[in-house]
N, C-alpha and C. Protein backbone atom coordinates (compact mmCIF):
# COMPACT_ATOMS: atom_id res chain seq x y z
N MET A 1 -69.18 -173.28 -40.79
CA MET A 1 -69.05 -174.52 -41.53
C MET A 1 -68.41 -174.28 -42.90
N GLY A 2 -68.73 -173.13 -43.49
CA GLY A 2 -68.18 -172.82 -44.81
C GLY A 2 -66.66 -172.77 -44.81
N GLY A 3 -66.09 -172.21 -43.74
CA GLY A 3 -64.63 -172.15 -43.64
C GLY A 3 -64.01 -173.53 -43.55
N MET A 4 -64.67 -174.41 -42.79
CA MET A 4 -64.18 -175.80 -42.70
C MET A 4 -64.24 -176.47 -44.06
N ALA A 5 -65.32 -176.21 -44.79
CA ALA A 5 -65.47 -176.81 -46.12
C ALA A 5 -64.38 -176.31 -47.06
N GLU A 6 -64.05 -175.02 -47.00
CA GLU A 6 -63.00 -174.47 -47.86
C GLU A 6 -61.67 -175.17 -47.59
N VAL A 7 -61.38 -175.44 -46.32
CA VAL A 7 -60.13 -176.12 -45.96
C VAL A 7 -60.15 -177.55 -46.49
N GLU A 8 -61.24 -178.27 -46.25
CA GLU A 8 -61.34 -179.66 -46.72
C GLU A 8 -61.23 -179.75 -48.24
N LEU A 9 -61.95 -178.89 -48.93
CA LEU A 9 -61.92 -178.92 -50.39
C LEU A 9 -60.57 -178.46 -50.92
N GLY A 10 -59.92 -177.54 -50.22
CA GLY A 10 -58.58 -177.12 -50.62
C GLY A 10 -57.58 -178.26 -50.52
N ARG A 11 -57.70 -179.03 -49.46
CA ARG A 11 -56.82 -180.21 -49.31
C ARG A 11 -57.08 -181.20 -50.45
N LEU A 12 -58.34 -181.38 -50.77
CA LEU A 12 -58.70 -182.28 -51.86
C LEU A 12 -58.13 -181.77 -53.18
N ALA A 13 -58.15 -180.46 -53.38
CA ALA A 13 -57.59 -179.87 -54.60
C ALA A 13 -56.10 -180.16 -54.70
N GLN A 14 -55.41 -180.10 -53.59
CA GLN A 14 -53.98 -180.38 -53.61
C GLN A 14 -53.70 -181.82 -54.02
N GLN A 15 -54.63 -182.71 -53.77
CA GLN A 15 -54.45 -184.12 -54.11
C GLN A 15 -54.95 -184.46 -55.51
N ASN A 16 -56.12 -183.93 -55.89
CA ASN A 16 -56.80 -184.40 -57.10
C ASN A 16 -56.67 -183.51 -58.31
N ALA A 17 -56.23 -182.28 -58.13
CA ALA A 17 -56.17 -181.35 -59.25
C ALA A 17 -55.12 -181.78 -60.26
N GLY A 18 -55.39 -181.46 -61.51
CA GLY A 18 -54.42 -181.71 -62.57
C GLY A 18 -53.58 -180.48 -62.86
N SER A 19 -54.14 -179.32 -62.63
CA SER A 19 -53.50 -178.05 -62.92
C SER A 19 -52.72 -177.55 -61.70
N ALA A 20 -51.51 -177.07 -61.95
CA ALA A 20 -50.71 -176.48 -60.87
C ALA A 20 -51.42 -175.26 -60.28
N GLN A 21 -52.11 -174.50 -61.12
CA GLN A 21 -52.86 -173.34 -60.64
C GLN A 21 -53.94 -173.75 -59.65
N VAL A 22 -54.63 -174.81 -59.94
CA VAL A 22 -55.70 -175.28 -59.06
C VAL A 22 -55.11 -175.81 -57.76
N LYS A 23 -54.00 -176.52 -57.84
CA LYS A 23 -53.33 -177.00 -56.63
C LYS A 23 -52.89 -175.83 -55.76
N GLU A 24 -52.33 -174.79 -56.38
CA GLU A 24 -51.90 -173.60 -55.64
C GLU A 24 -53.10 -172.89 -55.02
N PHE A 25 -54.18 -172.79 -55.77
CA PHE A 25 -55.39 -172.17 -55.24
C PHE A 25 -55.88 -172.96 -54.03
N GLY A 26 -55.90 -174.29 -54.14
CA GLY A 26 -56.31 -175.14 -53.02
C GLY A 26 -55.44 -174.92 -51.79
N ALA A 27 -54.13 -174.82 -52.00
CA ALA A 27 -53.21 -174.58 -50.89
C ALA A 27 -53.51 -173.24 -50.23
N ARG A 28 -53.82 -172.24 -51.04
CA ARG A 28 -54.16 -170.93 -50.49
C ARG A 28 -55.45 -170.99 -49.68
N MET A 29 -56.42 -171.77 -50.16
CA MET A 29 -57.67 -171.91 -49.42
C MET A 29 -57.41 -172.55 -48.05
N VAL A 30 -56.56 -173.58 -48.03
CA VAL A 30 -56.24 -174.24 -46.77
C VAL A 30 -55.59 -173.23 -45.82
N HIS A 31 -54.62 -172.51 -46.29
CA HIS A 31 -53.89 -171.55 -45.45
C HIS A 31 -54.80 -170.43 -44.96
N ASP A 32 -55.45 -169.74 -45.89
CA ASP A 32 -56.23 -168.55 -45.52
C ASP A 32 -57.46 -168.90 -44.70
N HIS A 33 -58.17 -169.96 -45.07
CA HIS A 33 -59.37 -170.31 -44.33
C HIS A 33 -59.05 -170.95 -42.98
N SER A 34 -57.92 -171.61 -42.86
CA SER A 34 -57.50 -172.12 -41.54
C SER A 34 -57.26 -170.94 -40.60
N ALA A 35 -56.58 -169.91 -41.11
CA ALA A 35 -56.33 -168.72 -40.29
C ALA A 35 -57.64 -168.02 -39.92
N ALA A 36 -58.53 -167.87 -40.89
CA ALA A 36 -59.82 -167.23 -40.62
C ALA A 36 -60.64 -168.05 -39.63
N ASN A 37 -60.58 -169.37 -39.75
CA ASN A 37 -61.31 -170.24 -38.83
C ASN A 37 -60.80 -170.07 -37.39
N GLU A 38 -59.49 -169.93 -37.25
CA GLU A 38 -58.90 -169.71 -35.92
C GLU A 38 -59.37 -168.38 -35.33
N GLN A 39 -59.41 -167.34 -36.15
CA GLN A 39 -59.89 -166.04 -35.67
C GLN A 39 -61.35 -166.15 -35.24
N LEU A 40 -62.14 -166.82 -36.05
CA LEU A 40 -63.56 -166.97 -35.72
C LEU A 40 -63.73 -167.81 -34.46
N ARG A 41 -62.91 -168.81 -34.29
CA ARG A 41 -62.96 -169.66 -33.09
C ARG A 41 -62.71 -168.80 -31.84
N SER A 42 -61.76 -167.87 -31.94
CA SER A 42 -61.47 -166.98 -30.81
C SER A 42 -62.66 -166.08 -30.49
N VAL A 43 -63.26 -165.51 -31.53
CA VAL A 43 -64.43 -164.65 -31.34
C VAL A 43 -65.58 -165.46 -30.73
N ALA A 44 -65.81 -166.63 -31.27
CA ALA A 44 -66.90 -167.47 -30.78
C ALA A 44 -66.66 -167.86 -29.32
N SER A 45 -65.46 -168.25 -29.00
CA SER A 45 -65.13 -168.66 -27.64
C SER A 45 -65.34 -167.52 -26.65
N ALA A 46 -64.94 -166.33 -27.04
CA ALA A 46 -65.09 -165.16 -26.17
C ALA A 46 -66.55 -164.83 -25.90
N HIS A 47 -67.42 -165.28 -26.79
CA HIS A 47 -68.86 -165.00 -26.63
C HIS A 47 -69.65 -166.25 -26.23
N GLY A 48 -68.95 -167.30 -25.84
CA GLY A 48 -69.62 -168.51 -25.38
C GLY A 48 -70.33 -169.29 -26.47
N LEU A 49 -69.89 -169.09 -27.70
CA LEU A 49 -70.50 -169.80 -28.82
C LEU A 49 -69.63 -170.99 -29.20
N ARG A 50 -70.26 -172.04 -29.69
CA ARG A 50 -69.52 -173.23 -30.12
C ARG A 50 -69.45 -173.26 -31.63
N MET A 51 -68.31 -173.65 -32.12
CA MET A 51 -68.10 -173.79 -33.57
C MET A 51 -68.57 -175.18 -33.99
N PRO A 52 -69.08 -175.30 -35.20
CA PRO A 52 -69.46 -176.63 -35.71
C PRO A 52 -68.22 -177.54 -35.76
N GLN A 53 -68.46 -178.81 -35.55
CA GLN A 53 -67.36 -179.77 -35.54
C GLN A 53 -67.28 -180.61 -36.81
N GLN A 54 -68.29 -180.50 -37.66
CA GLN A 54 -68.27 -181.27 -38.90
C GLN A 54 -68.93 -180.47 -40.02
N LEU A 55 -68.67 -180.89 -41.21
CA LEU A 55 -69.23 -180.23 -42.38
C LEU A 55 -70.74 -180.38 -42.41
N SER A 56 -71.39 -179.43 -43.05
CA SER A 56 -72.83 -179.54 -43.27
C SER A 56 -73.08 -180.71 -44.24
N ARG A 57 -74.30 -181.14 -44.29
CA ARG A 57 -74.64 -182.24 -45.21
C ARG A 57 -74.32 -181.85 -46.66
N LYS A 58 -74.68 -180.63 -47.03
CA LYS A 58 -74.42 -180.14 -48.39
C LYS A 58 -72.91 -180.14 -48.68
N ASP A 59 -72.11 -179.65 -47.73
CA ASP A 59 -70.66 -179.62 -47.94
C ASP A 59 -70.07 -181.03 -47.99
N GLN A 60 -70.61 -181.94 -47.20
CA GLN A 60 -70.15 -183.34 -47.26
C GLN A 60 -70.44 -183.94 -48.63
N GLU A 61 -71.63 -183.64 -49.16
CA GLU A 61 -71.99 -184.15 -50.48
C GLU A 61 -71.08 -183.56 -51.56
N THR A 62 -70.76 -182.28 -51.44
CA THR A 62 -69.85 -181.65 -52.40
C THR A 62 -68.48 -182.31 -52.33
N ARG A 63 -67.99 -182.53 -51.11
CA ARG A 63 -66.68 -183.16 -50.95
C ARG A 63 -66.69 -184.57 -51.56
N GLU A 64 -67.74 -185.33 -51.30
CA GLU A 64 -67.83 -186.69 -51.85
C GLU A 64 -67.86 -186.65 -53.37
N ARG A 65 -68.63 -185.73 -53.92
CA ARG A 65 -68.72 -185.63 -55.39
C ARG A 65 -67.36 -185.27 -55.98
N LEU A 66 -66.69 -184.29 -55.39
CA LEU A 66 -65.39 -183.87 -55.92
C LEU A 66 -64.31 -184.92 -55.70
N SER A 67 -64.42 -185.69 -54.63
CA SER A 67 -63.38 -186.69 -54.33
C SER A 67 -63.32 -187.80 -55.38
N ARG A 68 -64.39 -187.94 -56.16
CA ARG A 68 -64.41 -188.97 -57.21
C ARG A 68 -63.81 -188.47 -58.52
N LEU A 69 -63.45 -187.19 -58.57
CA LEU A 69 -62.90 -186.60 -59.79
C LEU A 69 -61.40 -186.38 -59.66
N HIS A 70 -60.72 -186.41 -60.81
CA HIS A 70 -59.28 -186.17 -60.85
C HIS A 70 -58.94 -185.40 -62.12
N GLY A 71 -57.79 -184.73 -62.09
CA GLY A 71 -57.30 -184.04 -63.27
C GLY A 71 -58.21 -182.91 -63.71
N ALA A 72 -58.38 -182.78 -65.03
CA ALA A 72 -59.14 -181.68 -65.61
C ALA A 72 -60.60 -181.68 -65.15
N ALA A 73 -61.19 -182.86 -64.98
CA ALA A 73 -62.58 -182.92 -64.52
C ALA A 73 -62.70 -182.34 -63.10
N PHE A 74 -61.73 -182.68 -62.24
CA PHE A 74 -61.73 -182.11 -60.90
C PHE A 74 -61.52 -180.60 -60.97
N ASP A 75 -60.55 -180.17 -61.75
CA ASP A 75 -60.23 -178.75 -61.85
C ASP A 75 -61.47 -177.93 -62.19
N SER A 76 -62.19 -178.36 -63.19
CA SER A 76 -63.37 -177.64 -63.64
C SER A 76 -64.45 -177.60 -62.56
N ALA A 77 -64.75 -178.75 -61.99
CA ALA A 77 -65.81 -178.83 -60.98
C ALA A 77 -65.43 -178.07 -59.71
N TYR A 78 -64.19 -178.20 -59.27
CA TYR A 78 -63.72 -177.51 -58.06
C TYR A 78 -63.75 -176.00 -58.25
N MET A 79 -63.25 -175.51 -59.37
CA MET A 79 -63.21 -174.06 -59.57
C MET A 79 -64.61 -173.50 -59.73
N ARG A 80 -65.51 -174.24 -60.35
CA ARG A 80 -66.90 -173.79 -60.45
C ARG A 80 -67.49 -173.68 -59.03
N THR A 81 -67.20 -174.66 -58.20
CA THR A 81 -67.67 -174.65 -56.82
C THR A 81 -67.09 -173.47 -56.05
N MET A 82 -65.80 -173.19 -56.26
CA MET A 82 -65.15 -172.08 -55.56
C MET A 82 -65.71 -170.73 -55.98
N VAL A 83 -65.99 -170.56 -57.26
CA VAL A 83 -66.60 -169.31 -57.73
C VAL A 83 -67.97 -169.13 -57.08
N ASP A 84 -68.79 -170.16 -57.13
CA ASP A 84 -70.13 -170.08 -56.56
C ASP A 84 -70.08 -169.83 -55.06
N ASP A 85 -69.24 -170.59 -54.35
CA ASP A 85 -69.16 -170.45 -52.89
C ASP A 85 -68.67 -169.07 -52.47
N HIS A 86 -67.64 -168.57 -53.14
CA HIS A 86 -67.12 -167.26 -52.74
C HIS A 86 -68.09 -166.14 -53.08
N ASN A 87 -68.83 -166.27 -54.15
CA ASN A 87 -69.87 -165.27 -54.44
C ASN A 87 -70.89 -165.22 -53.30
N LYS A 88 -71.33 -166.39 -52.84
CA LYS A 88 -72.30 -166.45 -51.74
C LYS A 88 -71.68 -165.95 -50.44
N ASP A 89 -70.45 -166.37 -50.17
CA ASP A 89 -69.77 -165.95 -48.94
C ASP A 89 -69.65 -164.43 -48.86
N ILE A 90 -69.29 -163.81 -49.95
CA ILE A 90 -69.12 -162.36 -49.96
C ILE A 90 -70.43 -161.67 -49.62
N GLN A 91 -71.51 -162.15 -50.20
CA GLN A 91 -72.83 -161.56 -49.88
C GLN A 91 -73.14 -161.69 -48.39
N GLU A 92 -72.90 -162.87 -47.83
CA GLU A 92 -73.18 -163.11 -46.42
C GLU A 92 -72.29 -162.26 -45.52
N PHE A 93 -71.01 -162.16 -45.85
CA PHE A 93 -70.09 -161.38 -45.03
C PHE A 93 -70.39 -159.89 -45.12
N ARG A 94 -70.78 -159.41 -46.29
CA ARG A 94 -71.17 -158.00 -46.41
C ARG A 94 -72.39 -157.71 -45.54
N ARG A 95 -73.36 -158.60 -45.58
CA ARG A 95 -74.57 -158.43 -44.77
C ARG A 95 -74.21 -158.42 -43.29
N GLU A 96 -73.37 -159.35 -42.87
CA GLU A 96 -72.96 -159.42 -41.45
C GLU A 96 -72.17 -158.17 -41.05
N ALA A 97 -71.27 -157.72 -41.92
CA ALA A 97 -70.47 -156.53 -41.61
C ALA A 97 -71.35 -155.29 -41.44
N ARG A 98 -72.42 -155.22 -42.22
CA ARG A 98 -73.32 -154.06 -42.16
C ARG A 98 -74.29 -154.13 -41.00
N SER A 99 -74.86 -155.30 -40.76
CA SER A 99 -75.99 -155.33 -39.84
C SER A 99 -75.99 -156.48 -38.84
N GLY A 100 -74.84 -157.08 -38.62
CA GLY A 100 -74.77 -158.16 -37.63
C GLY A 100 -75.07 -157.65 -36.23
N GLN A 101 -75.58 -158.51 -35.39
CA GLN A 101 -75.96 -158.11 -34.04
C GLN A 101 -74.78 -157.99 -33.10
N SER A 102 -73.73 -158.74 -33.34
CA SER A 102 -72.55 -158.72 -32.48
C SER A 102 -71.46 -157.85 -33.10
N GLN A 103 -70.95 -156.92 -32.31
CA GLN A 103 -69.86 -156.05 -32.78
C GLN A 103 -68.64 -156.89 -33.17
N ALA A 104 -68.34 -157.90 -32.38
CA ALA A 104 -67.17 -158.74 -32.66
C ALA A 104 -67.33 -159.49 -33.98
N LEU A 105 -68.53 -160.00 -34.24
CA LEU A 105 -68.77 -160.71 -35.50
C LEU A 105 -68.81 -159.74 -36.68
N ARG A 106 -69.35 -158.55 -36.47
CA ARG A 106 -69.31 -157.53 -37.53
C ARG A 106 -67.87 -157.20 -37.89
N GLN A 107 -67.02 -157.07 -36.86
CA GLN A 107 -65.62 -156.76 -37.10
C GLN A 107 -64.91 -157.91 -37.81
N TYR A 108 -65.20 -159.13 -37.39
CA TYR A 108 -64.63 -160.31 -38.05
C TYR A 108 -65.02 -160.32 -39.52
N ALA A 109 -66.29 -160.09 -39.80
CA ALA A 109 -66.77 -160.07 -41.19
C ALA A 109 -66.09 -158.97 -41.98
N THR A 110 -65.96 -157.79 -41.39
CA THR A 110 -65.30 -156.66 -42.05
C THR A 110 -63.84 -156.99 -42.35
N ASP A 111 -63.15 -157.59 -41.39
CA ASP A 111 -61.73 -157.93 -41.56
C ASP A 111 -61.52 -159.06 -42.55
N THR A 112 -62.46 -159.99 -42.63
CA THR A 112 -62.31 -161.16 -43.49
C THR A 112 -62.76 -160.90 -44.92
N LEU A 113 -63.62 -159.94 -45.11
CA LEU A 113 -64.19 -159.65 -46.43
C LEU A 113 -63.13 -159.41 -47.51
N PRO A 114 -62.07 -158.62 -47.27
CA PRO A 114 -61.07 -158.43 -48.33
C PRO A 114 -60.39 -159.74 -48.76
N VAL A 115 -60.19 -160.65 -47.82
CA VAL A 115 -59.59 -161.95 -48.16
C VAL A 115 -60.54 -162.73 -49.06
N LEU A 116 -61.81 -162.73 -48.72
CA LEU A 116 -62.80 -163.44 -49.54
C LEU A 116 -62.91 -162.82 -50.93
N GLU A 117 -62.84 -161.51 -51.01
CA GLU A 117 -62.90 -160.84 -52.30
C GLU A 117 -61.69 -161.20 -53.16
N THR A 118 -60.52 -161.32 -52.53
CA THR A 118 -59.33 -161.77 -53.25
C THR A 118 -59.52 -163.20 -53.73
N HIS A 119 -60.04 -164.06 -52.86
CA HIS A 119 -60.30 -165.45 -53.26
C HIS A 119 -61.26 -165.51 -54.44
N ASP A 120 -62.29 -164.70 -54.39
CA ASP A 120 -63.29 -164.68 -55.46
C ASP A 120 -62.63 -164.26 -56.78
N ARG A 121 -61.84 -163.22 -56.73
CA ARG A 121 -61.14 -162.75 -57.94
C ARG A 121 -60.22 -163.84 -58.47
N LEU A 122 -59.44 -164.47 -57.59
CA LEU A 122 -58.54 -165.53 -58.01
C LEU A 122 -59.30 -166.73 -58.57
N ALA A 123 -60.40 -167.08 -57.94
CA ALA A 123 -61.21 -168.22 -58.42
C ALA A 123 -61.70 -167.96 -59.83
N HIS A 124 -62.18 -166.74 -60.07
CA HIS A 124 -62.63 -166.39 -61.43
C HIS A 124 -61.46 -166.45 -62.42
N GLU A 125 -60.31 -165.94 -62.00
CA GLU A 125 -59.13 -165.93 -62.90
C GLU A 125 -58.68 -167.35 -63.22
N VAL A 126 -58.59 -168.20 -62.21
CA VAL A 126 -58.15 -169.58 -62.44
C VAL A 126 -59.16 -170.30 -63.33
N ARG A 127 -60.43 -170.13 -63.02
CA ARG A 127 -61.47 -170.78 -63.84
C ARG A 127 -61.38 -170.31 -65.29
N GLN A 128 -61.21 -169.02 -65.48
CA GLN A 128 -61.09 -168.46 -66.83
C GLN A 128 -59.84 -169.00 -67.53
N SER A 129 -58.76 -169.10 -66.79
CA SER A 129 -57.51 -169.62 -67.35
C SER A 129 -57.67 -171.07 -67.80
N LEU A 130 -58.38 -171.87 -67.00
CA LEU A 130 -58.61 -173.26 -67.37
C LEU A 130 -59.43 -173.36 -68.64
N THR A 131 -60.43 -172.51 -68.75
CA THR A 131 -61.29 -172.49 -69.94
C THR A 131 -60.51 -172.03 -71.16
N ALA A 132 -59.66 -171.01 -70.96
CA ALA A 132 -58.89 -170.45 -72.07
C ALA A 132 -57.85 -171.43 -72.60
N THR A 133 -57.29 -172.24 -71.71
CA THR A 133 -56.26 -173.18 -72.14
C THR A 133 -56.84 -174.52 -72.55
N GLY A 134 -58.16 -174.65 -72.40
CA GLY A 134 -58.81 -175.90 -72.81
C GLY A 134 -58.60 -177.04 -71.85
N SER A 135 -58.13 -176.73 -70.61
CA SER A 135 -57.87 -177.81 -69.68
C SER A 135 -59.05 -178.11 -68.77
N SER A 136 -60.14 -177.42 -68.99
CA SER A 136 -61.34 -177.78 -68.22
C SER A 136 -62.32 -178.48 -69.16
N GLN A 137 -63.10 -179.32 -68.58
CA GLN A 137 -64.09 -180.04 -69.40
C GLN A 137 -65.45 -179.52 -69.02
N ARG A 138 -66.13 -178.98 -69.99
CA ARG A 138 -67.48 -178.48 -69.73
C ARG A 138 -68.47 -179.61 -69.78
N ARG A 139 -69.40 -179.57 -68.87
CA ARG A 139 -70.48 -180.56 -68.87
C ARG A 139 -71.54 -180.10 -69.83
N ARG A 140 -72.18 -181.03 -70.47
CA ARG A 140 -73.26 -180.70 -71.41
C ARG A 140 -74.55 -181.18 -70.87
């Protein structure tokens, strides 16, 4: 479900972001997570597992919250979400790569982890750039 959420939120970033950096980051999320989702779909299918067809309730709420924002407010909230999500994703993928029960899923996690680590680094950089240029609005 997390991969689907990254794609949905990336599309939203391409529409609502004010910063070109955030729009580019969103486009990368759509591209990379769509590819990862396809790989996971293949692994799941080979093992008789079904992929979720809709976002989790939490991800739907995040999408709804972000869809009401535009420009700098969206940029700040979206990048904060991306930093938090990728930090969590990396922990989960590391755990799966180390001790998952399925060899195929362990391999998928191992192969996908470097992409997630790149996303995490980029999310931190974009967020920092927005803060440094004053184009993000901090909530009080």
